[in-house]
Amino acid sequence: DWEKMVGAIQDYIMMLNFRYRTELRTKGVTYFNSLAKFVDAHTVELTDRKGNTERKTADKIIVATGGRPRYLGLPNEKELCITSDDLF
């Protein structure tokens, strides 16, 4: 059942994301779900989903990048292929 599989995958991904955020907090790491751009060696500019920006400065900065799949423009690709975004 396709819908059941998609739901199970979405639930699993949400559980993993929650676990990662929780573990980071217990280690004293502040988590920001934003686009980040380095301003200098210890400062990042964060942009949230609404376009609001703020700068954060820290001794150590961890950037976890995410990617998005995209179609390449091949004939019939949307009929013959799926991306992870189609599942999530």
Protein backbone atom coordinates (compact mmCIF):
# COMPACT_ATOMS: atom_id res chain seq x y z
CA ASP A 1 0.00 0.00 0.00
CA TRP A 2 1.70 3.17 -1.29
CA GLU A 3 -0.04 5.63 1.05
CA LYS A 4 0.79 3.52 4.10
CA MET A 5 4.46 3.34 3.07
CA VAL A 6 4.67 7.11 2.48
CA GLY A 7 3.06 7.77 5.88
CA ALA A 8 5.46 5.40 7.63
CA ILE A 9 8.47 7.08 5.98
CA GLN A 10 7.23 10.55 6.93
CA ASP A 11 6.67 9.45 10.54
CA TYR A 12 10.16 7.92 10.69
CA ILE A 13 11.82 11.09 9.33
CA MET A 14 9.91 13.27 11.83
CA MET A 15 11.00 10.95 14.67
CA LEU A 16 14.65 11.15 13.56
CA ASN A 17 14.55 14.95 13.30
CA PHE A 18 13.01 15.21 16.78
CA ARG A 19 15.65 12.86 18.20
CA TYR A 20 18.48 14.86 16.60
CA ARG A 21 17.17 18.18 17.95
CA THR A 22 16.69 16.69 21.42
CA GLU A 23 20.20 15.22 21.49
CA LEU A 24 21.71 18.51 20.34
CA ARG A 25 19.91 20.39 23.13
CA THR A 26 21.14 17.95 25.78
CA LYS A 27 24.69 18.65 24.58
CA GLY A 28 24.20 22.42 24.90
CA VAL A 29 23.93 23.04 21.15
CA THR A 30 21.53 25.73 19.95
CA TYR A 31 19.64 24.58 16.85
CA PHE A 32 18.41 26.95 14.13
CA ASN A 33 16.32 25.71 11.21
CA SER A 34 17.41 28.46 8.81
CA LEU A 35 19.47 29.17 5.75
CA ALA A 36 22.95 30.18 6.89
CA LYS A 37 25.66 32.30 5.33
CA PHE A 38 29.05 32.87 6.92
CA VAL A 39 29.82 36.52 7.55
CA ASP A 40 33.22 35.81 9.09
CA ALA A 41 34.99 32.90 10.82
CA HIS A 42 32.71 33.07 13.88
CA THR A 43 29.52 34.70 12.61
CA VAL A 44 26.65 33.39 10.50
CA GLU A 45 23.69 35.24 9.09
CA LEU A 46 20.52 33.18 9.45
CA THR A 47 17.43 33.59 7.26
CA ASP A 48 14.21 31.93 8.38
CA ARG A 49 11.30 30.80 6.19
CA LYS A 50 9.64 34.21 6.46
CA GLY A 51 12.77 36.00 5.23
CA ASN A 52 13.75 37.38 8.64
CA THR A 53 17.50 37.55 9.18
CA GLU A 54 19.65 37.60 12.28
CA ARG A 55 23.33 37.15 13.00
CA LYS A 56 24.78 34.71 15.51
CA THR A 57 28.36 34.63 16.71
CA ALA A 58 29.99 31.61 18.33
CA ASP A 59 33.39 30.05 18.92
CA LYS A 60 32.27 26.91 17.06
CA ILE A 61 29.58 26.68 14.39
CA ILE A 62 28.18 23.46 12.96
CA VAL A 63 26.38 23.68 9.64
CA ALA A 64 24.26 20.69 8.63
CA THR A 65 23.35 21.09 4.99
CA GLY A 66 20.28 19.66 3.39
CA GLY A 67 19.66 19.08 -0.27
CA ARG A 68 16.66 18.99 -2.52
CA PRO A 69 16.25 16.67 -5.47
CA ARG A 70 15.43 18.08 -8.86
CA TYR A 71 14.45 16.72 -12.22
CA LEU A 72 17.00 17.07 -15.02
CA GLY A 73 14.66 17.89 -17.88
CA LEU A 74 14.74 14.44 -19.49
CA PRO A 75 11.83 13.16 -21.58
CA ASN A 76 9.08 11.50 -19.50
CA GLU A 77 11.10 11.77 -16.28
CA LYS A 78 8.14 12.84 -14.14
CA GLU A 79 6.14 9.87 -15.35
CA LEU A 80 8.98 7.38 -14.93
CA CYS A 81 10.81 8.62 -11.83
CA ILE A 82 10.10 9.76 -8.29
CA THR A 83 12.18 11.89 -5.95
CA SER A 84 12.41 11.79 -2.19
CA ASP A 85 10.22 14.91 -2.13
CA ASP A 86 7.47 12.85 -3.74
CA LEU A 87 7.57 10.65 -0.62
CA PHE A 88 8.04 13.32 2.02
